Amino acid sequence: QGQLVESGGGLVQPGGFLRLSCAAPGTDFSSSSMAWYRQTPGKERELVADINSGMRTNYADSVKGRFTISRDNARNTVYLQMKSLKPEDTDVYYCNSQTFYMTFTQEYWGQGTQVTVSS
């Protein structure tokens, strides 16, 4: 059974840096598209960045140039490096995995990690 385990959230001052990690043991990681979402209570979950099995990346306009998503297939881990953080980046960040098979898509979510940007 696959699962996603996130780490790296916390409190940081505006302009600061954080790196989130998401370990995905037991998943078909190298074949999976991985993504980071974020969500404020009462709002829809928002895609922050994704990276597919071919290393192609995609970012929300609000984080372009500040966030970088990367993956290490040897460690079954995806990362989100966040710099120049703003108060509006405060959210719960969720890791997502999608593996596309012939007849179905296997999807997993992490438990979420809180990122708070405040002075």
N, C-alpha and C. Protein backbone atom coordinates (compact mmCIF):
# COMPACT_ATOMS: atom_id res chain seq x y z
N GLN A 1 0.86 -1.20 0.00
CA GLN A 1 0.00 0.00 0.00
C GLN A 1 0.88 1.22 0.00
N GLY A 2 0.68 2.09 -0.96
CA GLY A 2 1.49 3.29 -1.01
C GLY A 2 1.00 4.31 -0.01
N GLN A 3 1.90 5.20 0.35
CA GLN A 3 1.53 6.32 1.19
C GLN A 3 2.51 7.45 0.93
N LEU A 4 2.09 8.64 1.24
CA LEU A 4 2.93 9.81 1.06
C LEU A 4 3.18 10.43 2.43
N VAL A 5 4.43 10.72 2.72
CA VAL A 5 4.80 11.28 4.01
C VAL A 5 5.51 12.60 3.78
N GLU A 6 4.88 13.68 4.21
CA GLU A 6 5.43 15.02 3.99
C GLU A 6 6.20 15.48 5.21
N SER A 7 7.16 16.37 4.96
CA SER A 7 7.90 17.00 6.04
C SER A 7 8.45 18.34 5.55
N GLY A 8 8.90 19.17 6.49
CA GLY A 8 9.58 20.40 6.12
C GLY A 8 8.79 21.68 6.33
N GLY A 9 7.54 21.57 6.70
CA GLY A 9 6.77 22.79 6.93
C GLY A 9 7.20 23.48 8.20
N GLY A 10 6.65 24.67 8.43
CA GLY A 10 6.99 25.41 9.64
C GLY A 10 6.68 26.88 9.51
N LEU A 11 7.23 27.65 10.44
CA LEU A 11 7.06 29.09 10.49
C LEU A 11 8.30 29.77 9.94
N VAL A 12 8.10 30.69 9.02
CA VAL A 12 9.22 31.40 8.42
C VAL A 12 8.83 32.86 8.21
N GLN A 13 9.82 33.74 8.26
CA GLN A 13 9.54 35.16 8.05
C GLN A 13 9.36 35.46 6.56
N PRO A 14 8.64 36.52 6.23
CA PRO A 14 8.54 36.93 4.82
C PRO A 14 9.92 37.10 4.21
N GLY A 15 10.04 36.61 2.97
CA GLY A 15 11.33 36.62 2.29
C GLY A 15 12.18 35.41 2.57
N GLY A 16 11.72 34.54 3.46
CA GLY A 16 12.49 33.38 3.85
C GLY A 16 12.37 32.21 2.90
N PHE A 17 12.95 31.09 3.36
CA PHE A 17 13.08 29.90 2.53
C PHE A 17 12.64 28.67 3.32
N LEU A 18 11.96 27.76 2.62
CA LEU A 18 11.62 26.46 3.19
C LEU A 18 11.74 25.42 2.09
N ARG A 19 12.03 24.18 2.49
CA ARG A 19 12.01 23.07 1.55
C ARG A 19 11.10 21.98 2.10
N LEU A 20 10.08 21.65 1.33
CA LEU A 20 9.19 20.55 1.68
C LEU A 20 9.67 19.28 1.00
N SER A 21 9.48 18.17 1.70
CA SER A 21 9.82 16.86 1.15
C SER A 21 8.60 15.96 1.23
N CYS A 22 8.49 15.06 0.28
CA CYS A 22 7.40 14.09 0.28
C CYS A 22 7.98 12.74 -0.13
N ALA A 23 8.03 11.83 0.82
CA ALA A 23 8.52 10.48 0.54
C ALA A 23 7.34 9.60 0.13
N ALA A 24 7.57 8.75 -0.85
CA ALA A 24 6.50 7.92 -1.39
C ALA A 24 6.90 6.45 -1.45
N PRO A 25 7.13 5.82 -0.31
CA PRO A 25 7.48 4.40 -0.32
C PRO A 25 6.30 3.55 -0.75
N GLY A 26 6.58 2.46 -1.41
CA GLY A 26 5.51 1.55 -1.77
C GLY A 26 4.68 1.99 -2.96
N THR A 27 5.09 3.07 -3.64
CA THR A 27 4.39 3.51 -4.84
C THR A 27 5.26 3.24 -6.06
N ASP A 28 4.65 3.28 -7.21
CA ASP A 28 5.38 3.13 -8.46
C ASP A 28 5.95 4.50 -8.82
N PHE A 29 6.87 4.98 -7.96
CA PHE A 29 7.26 6.40 -7.96
C PHE A 29 7.79 6.88 -9.29
N SER A 30 8.71 6.15 -9.88
CA SER A 30 9.37 6.65 -11.09
C SER A 30 8.39 6.81 -12.26
N SER A 31 7.27 6.12 -12.20
CA SER A 31 6.25 6.21 -13.26
C SER A 31 5.15 7.21 -12.93
N SER A 32 5.24 7.81 -11.76
CA SER A 32 4.15 8.66 -11.26
C SER A 32 4.39 10.13 -11.57
N SER A 33 3.29 10.83 -11.77
CA SER A 33 3.33 12.29 -11.75
C SER A 33 3.13 12.72 -10.31
N MET A 34 3.97 13.65 -9.87
CA MET A 34 3.94 14.12 -8.49
C MET A 34 3.58 15.61 -8.48
N ALA A 35 2.89 16.01 -7.44
CA ALA A 35 2.45 17.41 -7.39
C ALA A 35 2.37 17.89 -5.95
N TRP A 36 2.44 19.18 -5.80
CA TRP A 36 2.16 19.86 -4.53
C TRP A 36 0.94 20.74 -4.72
N TYR A 37 0.01 20.62 -3.77
CA TYR A 37 -1.17 21.47 -3.71
C TYR A 37 -1.13 22.22 -2.40
N ARG A 38 -1.95 23.25 -2.29
CA ARG A 38 -2.13 23.94 -1.02
C ARG A 38 -3.58 24.31 -0.85
N GLN A 39 -3.97 24.45 0.40
CA GLN A 39 -5.38 24.70 0.68
C GLN A 39 -5.54 25.53 1.94
N THR A 40 -6.36 26.55 1.82
CA THR A 40 -6.80 27.34 2.97
C THR A 40 -8.16 26.80 3.38
N PRO A 41 -8.41 26.64 4.69
CA PRO A 41 -9.72 26.15 5.12
C PRO A 41 -10.85 26.95 4.50
N GLY A 42 -11.83 26.23 3.94
CA GLY A 42 -12.97 26.90 3.33
C GLY A 42 -12.78 27.20 1.85
N LYS A 43 -11.58 26.95 1.34
CA LYS A 43 -11.32 27.21 -0.08
C LYS A 43 -10.95 25.91 -0.78
N GLU A 44 -10.98 25.93 -2.11
CA GLU A 44 -10.60 24.75 -2.88
C GLU A 44 -9.09 24.54 -2.83
N ARG A 45 -8.72 23.28 -2.95
CA ARG A 45 -7.30 22.96 -3.01
C ARG A 45 -6.73 23.48 -4.33
N GLU A 46 -5.56 24.11 -4.26
CA GLU A 46 -4.96 24.78 -5.42
C GLU A 46 -3.66 24.08 -5.82
N LEU A 47 -3.51 23.82 -7.10
CA LEU A 47 -2.25 23.24 -7.59
C LEU A 47 -1.14 24.27 -7.49
N VAL A 48 -0.04 23.89 -6.86
CA VAL A 48 1.13 24.77 -6.74
C VAL A 48 2.14 24.45 -7.83
N ALA A 49 2.48 23.17 -7.96
CA ALA A 49 3.47 22.75 -8.96
C ALA A 49 3.34 21.25 -9.16
N ASP A 50 3.70 20.80 -10.36
CA ASP A 50 3.75 19.37 -10.59
C ASP A 50 4.95 19.02 -11.46
N ILE A 51 5.31 17.75 -11.41
CA ILE A 51 6.44 17.23 -12.19
C ILE A 51 6.06 15.83 -12.65
N ASN A 52 6.18 15.57 -13.94
CA ASN A 52 5.78 14.26 -14.42
C ASN A 52 6.97 13.31 -14.46
N SER A 53 6.72 12.10 -14.93
CA SER A 53 7.78 11.09 -14.92
C SER A 53 8.93 11.45 -15.86
N GLY A 54 8.65 12.33 -16.82
CA GLY A 54 9.69 12.79 -17.72
C GLY A 54 10.39 14.05 -17.26
N MET A 55 10.14 14.46 -16.01
CA MET A 55 10.78 15.63 -15.39
C MET A 55 10.23 16.96 -15.91
N ARG A 56 9.13 16.93 -16.64
CA ARG A 56 8.54 18.20 -17.08
C ARG A 56 7.79 18.82 -15.89
N THR A 57 7.99 20.11 -15.71
CA THR A 57 7.41 20.79 -14.56
C THR A 57 6.37 21.82 -15.00
N ASN A 58 5.51 22.15 -14.05
CA ASN A 58 4.44 23.12 -14.28
C ASN A 58 4.21 23.85 -12.96
N TYR A 59 3.99 25.18 -13.02
CA TYR A 59 3.83 25.97 -11.81
C TYR A 59 2.61 26.87 -11.90
N ALA A 60 2.00 27.12 -10.76
CA ALA A 60 0.98 28.15 -10.68
C ALA A 60 1.64 29.51 -10.90
N ASP A 61 0.92 30.42 -11.53
CA ASP A 61 1.49 31.74 -11.82
C ASP A 61 1.97 32.43 -10.54
N SER A 62 1.28 32.20 -9.46
CA SER A 62 1.59 32.90 -8.20
C SER A 62 2.93 32.49 -7.60
N VAL A 63 3.49 31.36 -8.05
CA VAL A 63 4.74 30.89 -7.45
C VAL A 63 5.89 30.81 -8.45
N LYS A 64 5.62 31.10 -9.71
CA LYS A 64 6.67 31.02 -10.73
C LYS A 64 7.84 31.93 -10.37
N GLY A 65 9.05 31.37 -10.50
CA GLY A 65 10.25 32.13 -10.19
C GLY A 65 10.63 32.09 -8.72
N ARG A 66 9.74 31.60 -7.87
CA ARG A 66 10.03 31.52 -6.42
C ARG A 66 10.09 30.08 -5.91
N PHE A 67 9.28 29.20 -6.50
CA PHE A 67 9.22 27.81 -6.05
C PHE A 67 9.84 26.91 -7.13
N THR A 68 10.46 25.84 -6.67
CA THR A 68 11.02 24.85 -7.59
C THR A 68 10.64 23.45 -7.12
N ILE A 69 10.02 22.68 -8.01
CA ILE A 69 9.69 21.30 -7.72
C ILE A 69 10.74 20.40 -8.35
N SER A 70 11.14 19.37 -7.63
CA SER A 70 12.12 18.43 -8.16
C SER A 70 11.82 17.04 -7.59
N ARG A 71 12.41 16.02 -8.18
CA ARG A 71 12.18 14.67 -7.71
C ARG A 71 13.48 13.88 -7.74
N ASP A 72 13.59 12.93 -6.83
CA ASP A 72 14.73 12.03 -6.78
C ASP A 72 14.15 10.62 -6.84
N ASN A 73 14.20 10.01 -8.00
CA ASN A 73 13.58 8.70 -8.17
C ASN A 73 14.30 7.62 -7.36
N ALA A 74 15.58 7.80 -7.10
CA ALA A 74 16.32 6.82 -6.31
C ALA A 74 15.85 6.81 -4.86
N ARG A 75 15.35 7.95 -4.39
CA ARG A 75 14.88 8.07 -3.00
C ARG A 75 13.36 8.07 -2.90
N ASN A 76 12.65 7.92 -4.04
CA ASN A 76 11.19 7.98 -4.04
C ASN A 76 10.68 9.23 -3.33
N THR A 77 11.29 10.36 -3.65
CA THR A 77 10.98 11.60 -2.93
C THR A 77 10.82 12.75 -3.91
N VAL A 78 9.84 13.60 -3.62
CA VAL A 78 9.65 14.83 -4.37
C VAL A 78 9.84 16.00 -3.41
N TYR A 79 10.39 17.09 -3.93
CA TYR A 79 10.71 18.25 -3.11
C TYR A 79 10.01 19.50 -3.66
N LEU A 80 9.78 20.45 -2.77
CA LEU A 80 9.32 21.76 -3.17
C LEU A 80 10.17 22.78 -2.44
N GLN A 81 11.05 23.44 -3.19
CA GLN A 81 11.87 24.49 -2.62
C GLN A 81 11.14 25.81 -2.79
N MET A 82 10.97 26.52 -1.70
CA MET A 82 10.21 27.76 -1.71
C MET A 82 11.10 28.89 -1.19
N LYS A 83 11.28 29.92 -2.00
CA LYS A 83 12.06 31.08 -1.59
C LYS A 83 11.22 32.33 -1.75
N SER A 84 11.75 33.42 -1.20
CA SER A 84 11.03 34.70 -1.25
C SER A 84 9.58 34.52 -0.82
N LEU A 85 9.41 33.81 0.28
CA LEU A 85 8.07 33.50 0.75
C LEU A 85 7.31 34.74 1.16
N LYS A 86 6.00 34.70 0.90
CA LYS A 86 5.11 35.81 1.20
C LYS A 86 4.04 35.35 2.19
N PRO A 87 3.44 36.26 2.92
CA PRO A 87 2.36 35.86 3.84
C PRO A 87 1.24 35.11 3.13
N GLU A 88 0.99 35.46 1.88
CA GLU A 88 -0.09 34.77 1.15
C GLU A 88 0.27 33.34 0.76
N ASP A 89 1.50 32.93 0.98
CA ASP A 89 1.88 31.52 0.78
C ASP A 89 1.49 30.66 1.97
N THR A 90 1.02 31.29 3.04
CA THR A 90 0.59 30.53 4.22
C THR A 90 -0.57 29.62 3.87
N ASP A 91 -0.39 28.33 4.13
CA ASP A 91 -1.40 27.34 3.77
C ASP A 91 -0.96 25.98 4.31
N VAL A 92 -1.86 25.01 4.19
CA VAL A 92 -1.47 23.62 4.37
C VAL A 92 -1.09 23.08 2.98
N TYR A 93 0.09 22.51 2.89
CA TYR A 93 0.60 21.99 1.63
C TYR A 93 0.47 20.47 1.60
N TYR A 94 -0.07 19.96 0.49
CA TYR A 94 -0.33 18.54 0.34
C TYR A 94 0.46 17.98 -0.85
N CYS A 95 1.02 16.82 -0.66
CA CYS A 95 1.69 16.10 -1.73
C CYS A 95 0.68 15.16 -2.41
N ASN A 96 0.81 15.03 -3.71
CA ASN A 96 -0.10 14.18 -4.48
C ASN A 96 0.69 13.32 -5.46
N SER A 97 0.26 12.09 -5.60
CA SER A 97 0.87 11.16 -6.55
C SER A 97 -0.21 10.58 -7.44
N GLN A 98 0.05 10.55 -8.75
CA GLN A 98 -0.86 9.92 -9.69
C GLN A 98 -0.06 9.00 -10.61
N THR A 99 -0.51 7.75 -10.69
CA THR A 99 0.09 6.79 -11.60
C THR A 99 -0.99 6.31 -12.55
N PHE A 100 -0.71 6.47 -13.84
CA PHE A 100 -1.73 6.17 -14.85
C PHE A 100 -1.47 4.78 -15.43
N TYR A 101 -2.45 3.89 -15.20
CA TYR A 101 -2.39 2.55 -15.76
C TYR A 101 -3.37 2.44 -16.91
N MET A 102 -3.43 1.29 -17.52
CA MET A 102 -4.27 1.12 -18.71
C MET A 102 -5.74 1.43 -18.41
N THR A 103 -6.25 0.93 -17.29
CA THR A 103 -7.69 1.03 -17.03
C THR A 103 -8.04 1.88 -15.82
N PHE A 104 -7.08 2.36 -15.08
CA PHE A 104 -7.38 3.18 -13.91
C PHE A 104 -6.18 4.05 -13.55
N THR A 105 -6.45 5.02 -12.68
CA THR A 105 -5.41 5.90 -12.14
C THR A 105 -5.30 5.68 -10.65
N GLN A 106 -4.09 5.39 -10.18
CA GLN A 106 -3.85 5.24 -8.75
C GLN A 106 -3.43 6.59 -8.19
N GLU A 107 -4.13 7.08 -7.20
CA GLU A 107 -3.84 8.40 -6.65
C GLU A 107 -3.67 8.32 -5.14
N TYR A 108 -2.67 9.03 -4.63
CA TYR A 108 -2.45 9.12 -3.19
C TYR A 108 -2.29 10.58 -2.79
N TRP A 109 -2.67 10.87 -1.54
CA TRP A 109 -2.48 12.20 -0.95
C TRP A 109 -1.71 12.05 0.35
N GLY A 110 -0.89 13.03 0.62
CA GLY A 110 -0.25 13.09 1.92
C GLY A 110 -1.18 13.71 2.95
N GLN A 111 -0.71 13.76 4.20
CA GLN A 111 -1.55 14.24 5.29
C GLN A 111 -1.54 15.76 5.41
N GLY A 112 -0.62 16.41 4.69
CA GLY A 112 -0.53 17.86 4.72
C GLY A 112 0.51 18.34 5.72
N THR A 113 1.16 19.44 5.37
CA THR A 113 2.13 20.07 6.27
C THR A 113 1.88 21.58 6.24
N GLN A 114 1.86 22.18 7.43
CA GLN A 114 1.53 23.60 7.55
C GLN A 114 2.74 24.47 7.23
N VAL A 115 2.53 25.45 6.39
CA VAL A 115 3.52 26.48 6.11
C VAL A 115 2.92 27.81 6.54
N THR A 116 3.61 28.51 7.43
CA THR A 116 3.15 29.80 7.91
C THR A 116 4.24 30.84 7.66
N VAL A 117 3.88 31.89 6.91
CA VAL A 117 4.82 32.97 6.61
C VAL A 117 4.35 34.21 7.36
N SER A 118 5.10 34.57 8.36
CA SER A 118 4.68 35.69 9.22
C SER A 118 5.88 36.26 9.94
N SER A 119 5.84 37.57 10.17
CA SER A 119 6.89 38.21 10.95
C SER A 119 6.50 38.27 12.43
